[in-house]
Amino acid sequence: MRLLALATLVLLGQNLAANPTLEQSVHPSPPYRLVDLLHSSLHFFDLPQISVNRKVDLFRKSVIDPHQEAFRVAPGATDEQTLEDFFRSDKNLESYLQNSVSHELEMRKLSDEFPTLLHACWSHLHSRLPRLKGDVTIYLVPAPLDTVGGCVRSVGPRNVMVFGSEVMAHRLTSPLRFDVFVTHELFHLYHMQVNPEMRTATAGYFMGGSTTPPPKLYQMMWLEGLAVYASQVLNPPATMKEAWVSSDPLSKVKAKLQPLSIFASKELASTDKRVIRDFVFDGNKERGIPTGTGYYLGMLVAKRLAMRYPLEDLANLQGSALRDAIESELNRVITAH
């Protein structure tokens, strides 16, 4: 039995070394590069005789280390943590490998279907927004549910997109929710490609660095809110139920719409990362801010502006024109409530 396990381990290492990225082809060939690291990790389901410690070591060497770019840009379980940080803990990686056994069928299904479904979403978005370019590497990574779902990052001049396996497997149970989620991330890519201000804001918030100016609250509200709006309107008959991506129910934001809008209008120019994190992403229970508040207000602004401008023009908005438009529409929301 030990000889069989050792032979299996050696064979797995040879297979991964021979084709480490296991890039999947889609016909016709997509303009982007897709790297399916989930497919690589599926081999670990075939190693029941190998100890957990050996699996952890092999997983790091064969899946994470050769593709550090993906794990370094993807978020982990907290706002300040990357997926690489998360998996640096033996305990976290052991837990993921042990728990993933119960999701084997879902993971295999996702790995099989993801390339075709992603290409369909890409083609649909490109038909509506032809300036979308394929200058991106898209990773499907093995990741637990409480870490990365989807993200787009700029790494210097390059674009990197990461989808997490358990979140995407969950979305796969509803084709509409899957399409809306993927469109949200693809629109982020498009927005970064056509709008230098949004590219800089994304890098400033998520990647940091002393050479990148910190983003303002209104920029991050617009970045996320316009993606929510686009993901809904480009996928009829999707509603906000499918487009909503935050943990708190939408009703919590709607119930406090006026005071939240007043707060936003006063803090639009804030570069305080805690303010942006609380208002756009994580919420703050002590301050009465639901998660995703900035997503919803940004979406409301986009929806109102879309009555006068096409989506392409909204994606191009930047500078004082963007700031003034957001402030004006927020004031209308405040007055209406």
Protein backbone atom coordinates (compact mmCIF):
# COMPACT_ATOMS: atom_id res chain seq x y z
CA MET A 1 0.00 0.00 0.00
CA ARG A 2 2.82 2.40 0.86
CA LEU A 3 4.55 1.57 -2.45
CA LEU A 4 1.29 2.28 -4.30
CA ALA A 5 0.89 5.60 -2.50
CA LEU A 6 4.47 6.58 -3.28
CA ALA A 7 4.09 5.65 -6.94
CA THR A 8 0.88 7.67 -7.14
CA LEU A 9 2.61 10.65 -5.53
CA VAL A 10 5.52 10.48 -7.98
CA LEU A 11 3.15 10.13 -10.94
CA LEU A 12 1.10 13.11 -9.78
CA GLY A 13 4.21 15.23 -9.44
CA GLN A 14 5.31 14.24 -12.95
CA ASN A 15 1.88 15.03 -14.41
CA LEU A 16 1.73 18.46 -12.77
CA ALA A 17 5.28 19.25 -13.77
CA ALA A 18 4.59 18.24 -17.36
CA ASN A 19 1.51 20.44 -17.60
CA PRO A 20 1.41 22.64 -14.50
CA THR A 21 -1.19 25.15 -15.61
CA LEU A 22 -3.55 22.70 -17.28
CA GLU A 23 -4.87 25.46 -19.49
CA GLN A 24 -8.18 24.47 -21.01
CA SER A 25 -9.10 25.20 -24.59
CA VAL A 26 -12.43 26.58 -25.73
CA HIS A 27 -13.53 26.57 -29.35
CA PRO A 28 -13.32 29.06 -30.84
CA SER A 29 -10.24 30.06 -28.89
CA PRO A 30 -10.95 32.92 -26.45
CA PRO A 31 -8.86 36.09 -26.58
CA TYR A 32 -7.89 35.78 -22.91
CA ARG A 33 -5.68 33.23 -21.17
CA LEU A 34 -7.50 30.85 -18.82
CA VAL A 35 -5.53 28.89 -16.23
CA ASP A 36 -7.57 26.27 -14.38
CA LEU A 37 -5.73 25.56 -11.15
CA LEU A 38 -8.82 23.86 -9.78
CA HIS A 39 -8.24 21.16 -12.40
CA SER A 40 -4.73 20.67 -11.03
CA SER A 41 -6.02 20.37 -7.48
CA LEU A 42 -8.53 17.67 -8.43
CA HIS A 43 -5.67 15.18 -8.57
CA PHE A 44 -5.51 15.37 -4.79
CA PHE A 45 -8.82 13.53 -4.58
CA ASP A 46 -6.98 10.52 -6.04
CA LEU A 47 -4.46 10.38 -3.20
CA PRO A 48 -6.34 8.81 -0.26
CA GLN A 49 -3.25 6.92 0.92
CA ILE A 50 -1.05 10.01 1.21
CA SER A 51 -0.85 11.70 4.61
CA VAL A 52 -2.39 15.15 5.02
CA ASN A 53 1.04 16.65 5.69
CA ARG A 54 2.37 15.27 2.40
CA LYS A 55 -0.69 16.59 0.57
CA VAL A 56 -0.18 20.04 2.08
CA ASP A 57 3.44 20.07 0.97
CA LEU A 58 2.65 18.83 -2.53
CA PHE A 59 -0.26 21.26 -2.91
CA ARG A 60 2.00 24.20 -2.12
CA LYS A 61 4.76 23.02 -4.46
CA SER A 62 2.58 22.01 -7.40
CA VAL A 63 -0.39 24.41 -7.26
CA ILE A 64 0.48 27.54 -5.26
CA ASP A 65 4.20 28.14 -5.77
CA PRO A 66 4.21 27.97 -9.60
CA HIS A 67 1.25 30.39 -9.75
CA GLN A 68 1.95 32.82 -6.92
CA GLU A 69 0.52 35.70 -8.95
CA ALA A 70 -3.02 34.34 -8.61
CA PHE A 71 -2.78 33.64 -4.89
CA ARG A 72 -1.09 36.98 -4.11
CA VAL A 73 -3.78 39.16 -5.69
CA ALA A 74 -6.82 37.16 -4.53
CA PRO A 75 -8.33 38.07 -1.13
CA GLY A 76 -8.21 35.65 1.75
CA ALA A 77 -10.63 35.38 4.67
CA THR A 78 -10.06 38.97 5.90
CA ASP A 79 -9.72 42.37 4.27
CA GLU A 80 -5.99 42.56 4.94
CA GLN A 81 -5.21 38.97 3.93
CA THR A 82 -4.42 37.45 0.54
CA LEU A 83 -5.23 33.89 -0.46
CA GLU A 84 -1.50 33.21 -0.33
CA ASP A 85 -1.48 34.39 3.30
CA PHE A 86 -4.49 32.21 4.06
CA PHE A 87 -2.92 29.07 2.62
CA ARG A 88 0.42 29.80 4.28
CA SER A 89 -1.21 28.40 7.43
CA ASP A 90 -0.89 24.61 7.54
CA LYS A 91 -4.12 24.48 9.52
CA ASN A 92 -6.06 26.39 6.87
CA LEU A 93 -4.67 24.35 4.01
CA GLU A 94 -5.25 21.05 5.82
CA SER A 95 -8.82 22.08 6.57
CA TYR A 96 -9.45 23.05 2.95
CA LEU A 97 -8.07 19.78 1.58
CA GLN A 98 -10.08 17.70 4.05
CA ASN A 99 -13.32 19.62 3.58
CA SER A 100 -13.06 19.71 -0.21
CA VAL A 101 -13.46 15.93 -0.38
CA SER A 102 -17.19 16.35 0.30
CA HIS A 103 -17.42 18.75 -2.70
CA GLU A 104 -15.55 16.60 -5.21
CA LEU A 105 -18.42 16.18 -7.66
CA GLU A 106 -19.25 19.90 -7.61
CA MET A 107 -15.59 20.81 -8.17
CA ARG A 108 -15.23 18.43 -11.11
CA LYS A 109 -18.43 19.79 -12.64
CA LEU A 110 -17.20 23.37 -12.24
CA SER A 111 -13.81 22.60 -13.78
CA ASP A 112 -15.48 20.89 -16.74
CA GLU A 113 -18.06 23.59 -17.42
CA PHE A 114 -16.29 26.80 -16.42
CA PRO A 115 -14.32 27.40 -19.68
CA THR A 116 -17.42 27.21 -21.87
CA LEU A 117 -19.60 29.28 -19.53
CA LEU A 118 -16.91 31.93 -19.10
CA HIS A 119 -16.48 32.19 -22.86
CA ALA A 120 -20.24 32.64 -23.29
CA CYS A 121 -20.26 35.49 -20.76
CA TRP A 122 -17.24 37.08 -22.41
CA SER A 123 -18.78 36.87 -25.88
CA HIS A 124 -22.04 38.39 -24.66
CA LEU A 125 -20.29 41.30 -22.94
CA HIS A 126 -18.01 41.90 -25.92
CA SER A 127 -21.04 42.07 -28.22
CA ARG A 128 -22.37 44.93 -26.08
CA LEU A 129 -19.03 46.55 -25.24
CA PRO A 130 -16.70 45.89 -28.19
CA ARG A 131 -13.79 47.79 -26.59
CA LEU A 132 -13.37 44.88 -24.14
CA LYS A 133 -9.88 43.47 -24.72
CA GLY A 134 -8.48 40.03 -23.96
CA ASP A 135 -5.29 41.29 -22.29
CA VAL A 136 -5.96 39.34 -19.11
CA THR A 137 -4.98 36.08 -17.44
CA ILE A 138 -8.01 34.48 -15.78
CA TYR A 139 -7.41 31.97 -13.00
CA LEU A 140 -9.88 29.49 -11.54
CA VAL A 141 -8.30 28.69 -8.19
CA PRO A 142 -9.12 26.21 -5.44
CA ALA A 143 -10.40 28.35 -2.57
CA PRO A 144 -12.85 27.95 0.35
CA LEU A 145 -16.19 29.71 0.42
CA ASP A 146 -15.14 32.43 2.87
CA THR A 147 -12.26 33.66 0.69
CA VAL A 148 -12.15 34.90 -2.90
CA GLY A 149 -15.26 34.82 -5.06
CA GLY A 150 -14.04 36.96 -7.92
CA CYS A 151 -11.57 39.81 -8.32
CA VAL A 152 -9.74 41.80 -10.99
CA ARG A 153 -6.36 43.37 -10.32
CA SER A 154 -3.73 45.25 -12.28
CA VAL A 155 -0.20 43.92 -11.84
CA GLY A 156 1.84 46.66 -13.45
CA PRO A 157 0.62 46.88 -17.04
CA ARG A 158 -0.97 43.42 -16.86
CA ASN A 159 -4.50 42.42 -15.88
CA VAL A 160 -5.25 39.44 -13.66
CA MET A 161 -8.68 38.02 -12.81
CA VAL A 162 -9.27 35.32 -10.19
CA PHE A 163 -12.36 33.22 -9.50
CA GLY A 164 -12.58 31.07 -6.34
CA SER A 165 -13.80 27.51 -6.75
CA GLU A 166 -16.33 27.13 -3.92
CA VAL A 167 -18.05 30.47 -4.55
CA MET A 168 -18.27 29.71 -8.28
CA ALA A 169 -19.54 26.17 -7.66
CA HIS A 170 -22.27 27.67 -5.50
CA ARG A 171 -23.15 30.15 -8.26
CA LEU A 172 -23.21 27.34 -10.82
CA THR A 173 -26.40 25.99 -9.26
CA SER A 174 -28.22 28.94 -10.88
CA PRO A 175 -27.16 29.77 -14.47
CA LEU A 176 -28.48 33.31 -14.13
CA ARG A 177 -26.63 34.01 -10.87
CA PHE A 178 -23.47 32.54 -12.42
CA ASP A 179 -23.72 34.79 -15.49
CA VAL A 180 -24.44 37.88 -13.39
CA PHE A 181 -21.46 37.22 -11.12
CA VAL A 182 -19.03 36.60 -13.99
CA THR A 183 -20.33 39.66 -15.86
CA HIS A 184 -19.71 41.77 -12.73
CA GLU A 185 -16.02 40.83 -12.77
CA LEU A 186 -15.66 41.10 -16.55
CA PHE A 187 -17.17 44.57 -16.41
CA HIS A 188 -14.56 45.55 -13.82
CA LEU A 189 -11.93 44.50 -16.35
CA TYR A 190 -13.58 46.54 -19.09
CA HIS A 191 -13.93 49.54 -16.78
CA MET A 192 -10.22 49.38 -15.94
CA GLN A 193 -9.30 49.08 -19.62
CA VAL A 194 -11.25 52.14 -20.81
CA ASN A 195 -10.97 54.38 -17.74
CA PRO A 196 -7.49 55.21 -16.34
CA GLU A 197 -8.99 56.71 -13.17
CA MET A 198 -10.73 53.44 -12.30
CA ARG A 199 -7.57 51.46 -13.02
CA THR A 200 -5.60 53.69 -10.66
CA ALA A 201 -8.32 53.54 -7.99
CA THR A 202 -8.39 49.74 -8.14
CA ALA A 203 -4.62 49.51 -7.80
CA GLY A 204 -4.58 52.10 -5.03
CA TYR A 205 -7.14 50.34 -2.86
CA PHE A 206 -6.35 46.67 -3.42
CA MET A 207 -2.64 46.65 -4.29
CA GLY A 208 -1.44 49.69 -2.32
CA GLY A 209 2.09 50.96 -2.75
CA SER A 210 3.64 54.33 -2.08
CA THR A 211 3.61 55.32 -5.76
CA THR A 212 -0.15 54.83 -6.22
CA PRO A 213 -2.46 57.62 -4.98
CA PRO A 214 -5.11 56.42 -2.51
CA PRO A 215 -8.59 56.22 -4.02
CA LYS A 216 -11.51 58.35 -2.89
CA LEU A 217 -14.80 57.02 -1.59
CA TYR A 218 -16.79 58.17 -4.62
CA GLN A 219 -14.39 56.31 -6.95
CA MET A 220 -14.84 52.99 -5.14
CA MET A 221 -18.61 53.50 -4.92
CA TRP A 222 -18.69 54.05 -8.67
CA LEU A 223 -16.34 51.16 -9.41
CA GLU A 224 -18.57 48.68 -7.60
CA GLY A 225 -21.95 50.30 -8.19
CA LEU A 226 -21.58 50.51 -11.96
CA ALA A 227 -20.48 46.85 -12.07
CA VAL A 228 -23.61 45.86 -10.12
CA TYR A 229 -25.79 47.87 -12.50
CA ALA A 230 -24.08 46.49 -15.62
CA SER A 231 -24.23 42.88 -14.43
CA GLN A 232 -27.98 43.20 -13.96
CA VAL A 233 -28.98 45.06 -17.13
CA LEU A 234 -26.75 42.91 -19.35
CA ASN A 235 -28.35 39.70 -18.07
CA PRO A 236 -32.14 40.00 -18.38
CA PRO A 237 -34.27 38.96 -16.57
CA ALA A 238 -31.85 39.40 -13.64
CA THR A 239 -32.99 41.50 -10.70
CA MET A 240 -31.08 43.00 -7.79
CA LYS A 241 -31.58 39.66 -6.04
CA GLU A 242 -29.13 38.07 -8.49
CA ALA A 243 -26.86 41.11 -8.75
CA TRP A 244 -26.50 41.71 -5.00
CA VAL A 245 -23.17 40.36 -3.75
CA SER A 246 -23.02 41.47 -0.09
CA SER A 247 -23.77 39.42 3.03
CA ASP A 248 -26.36 41.79 4.55
CA PRO A 249 -29.80 41.70 2.91
CA LEU A 250 -30.57 44.56 0.55
CA SER A 251 -33.48 45.59 2.78
CA LYS A 252 -31.02 46.79 5.44
CA VAL A 253 -29.55 49.36 3.07
CA LYS A 254 -32.94 50.45 1.75
CA ALA A 255 -34.24 50.98 5.29
CA LYS A 256 -31.49 53.56 5.95
CA LEU A 257 -31.20 54.99 2.47
CA GLN A 258 -31.48 58.68 3.39
CA PRO A 259 -28.98 58.78 6.31
CA LEU A 260 -26.57 56.57 4.39
CA SER A 261 -26.82 58.85 1.36
CA ILE A 262 -26.19 61.91 3.56
CA PHE A 263 -23.11 60.24 5.03
CA ALA A 264 -21.83 59.35 1.56
CA SER A 265 -22.34 62.87 0.21
CA LYS A 266 -20.26 64.29 3.07
CA GLU A 267 -17.44 61.75 2.67
CA LEU A 268 -17.22 61.49 -1.13
CA ALA A 269 -13.65 62.83 -1.24
CA SER A 270 -12.42 60.77 1.73
CA THR A 271 -9.30 58.68 1.14
CA ASP A 272 -9.51 57.03 4.58
CA LYS A 273 -9.35 53.32 3.85
CA ARG A 274 -11.41 52.52 6.95
CA VAL A 275 -14.22 54.75 5.71
CA ILE A 276 -14.12 53.11 2.27
CA ARG A 277 -13.90 49.61 3.72
CA ASP A 278 -16.84 50.16 6.07
CA PHE A 279 -19.04 51.98 3.59
CA VAL A 280 -18.38 50.07 0.37
CA PHE A 281 -17.37 46.61 1.46
CA ASP A 282 -17.50 45.27 5.02
CA GLY A 283 -20.04 47.51 6.75
CA ASN A 284 -19.81 48.61 10.36
CA LYS A 285 -22.48 47.42 12.79
CA GLU A 286 -21.49 49.91 15.48
CA ARG A 287 -21.97 52.78 13.05
CA GLY A 288 -25.11 51.28 11.53
CA ILE A 289 -23.59 50.74 8.07
CA PRO A 290 -24.74 47.52 6.33
CA THR A 291 -22.29 45.61 4.14
CA GLY A 292 -22.30 46.69 0.51
CA THR A 293 -23.86 50.11 1.15
CA GLY A 294 -21.54 51.73 -1.38
CA TYR A 295 -22.40 49.06 -3.95
CA TYR A 296 -26.08 49.91 -3.69
CA LEU A 297 -25.70 53.69 -3.69
CA GLY A 298 -23.30 53.48 -6.61
CA MET A 299 -25.81 51.30 -8.45
CA LEU A 300 -28.62 53.78 -7.74
CA VAL A 301 -26.52 56.62 -9.15
CA ALA A 302 -25.67 54.53 -12.22
CA LYS A 303 -29.31 53.61 -12.75
CA ARG A 304 -30.37 57.26 -12.63
CA LEU A 305 -27.57 58.40 -14.93
CA ALA A 306 -28.37 55.59 -17.38
CA MET A 307 -31.63 57.36 -18.18
CA ARG A 308 -29.48 59.99 -19.93
CA TYR A 309 -26.29 58.19 -20.94
CA PRO A 310 -25.44 54.81 -22.54
CA LEU A 311 -23.39 52.30 -20.57
CA GLU A 312 -20.24 53.02 -22.61
CA ASP A 313 -20.40 56.70 -21.62
CA LEU A 314 -20.96 55.84 -17.98
CA ALA A 315 -17.85 53.66 -18.00
CA ASN A 316 -15.84 56.57 -19.43
CA LEU A 317 -16.89 59.06 -16.72
CA GLN A 318 -13.97 60.33 -14.66
CA GLY A 319 -12.53 63.36 -12.94
CA SER A 320 -14.71 66.25 -11.81
CA ALA A 321 -17.50 65.18 -14.19
CA LEU A 322 -17.80 61.88 -12.34
CA ARG A 323 -17.56 63.42 -8.88
CA ASP A 324 -20.18 66.09 -9.73
CA ALA A 325 -22.57 63.54 -11.26
CA ILE A 326 -22.41 61.29 -8.19
CA GLU A 327 -22.90 64.19 -5.80
CA SER A 328 -25.83 65.55 -7.80
CA GLU A 329 -27.62 62.20 -7.98
CA LEU A 330 -27.03 61.48 -4.28
CA ASN A 331 -28.64 64.81 -3.43
CA ARG A 332 -31.66 63.81 -5.49
CA VAL A 333 -31.87 60.51 -3.59
CA ILE A 334 -31.69 62.43 -0.28
CA THR A 335 -34.41 64.86 -1.35
CA ALA A 336 -36.65 62.06 -2.61
CA HIS A 337 -36.56 60.36 0.78
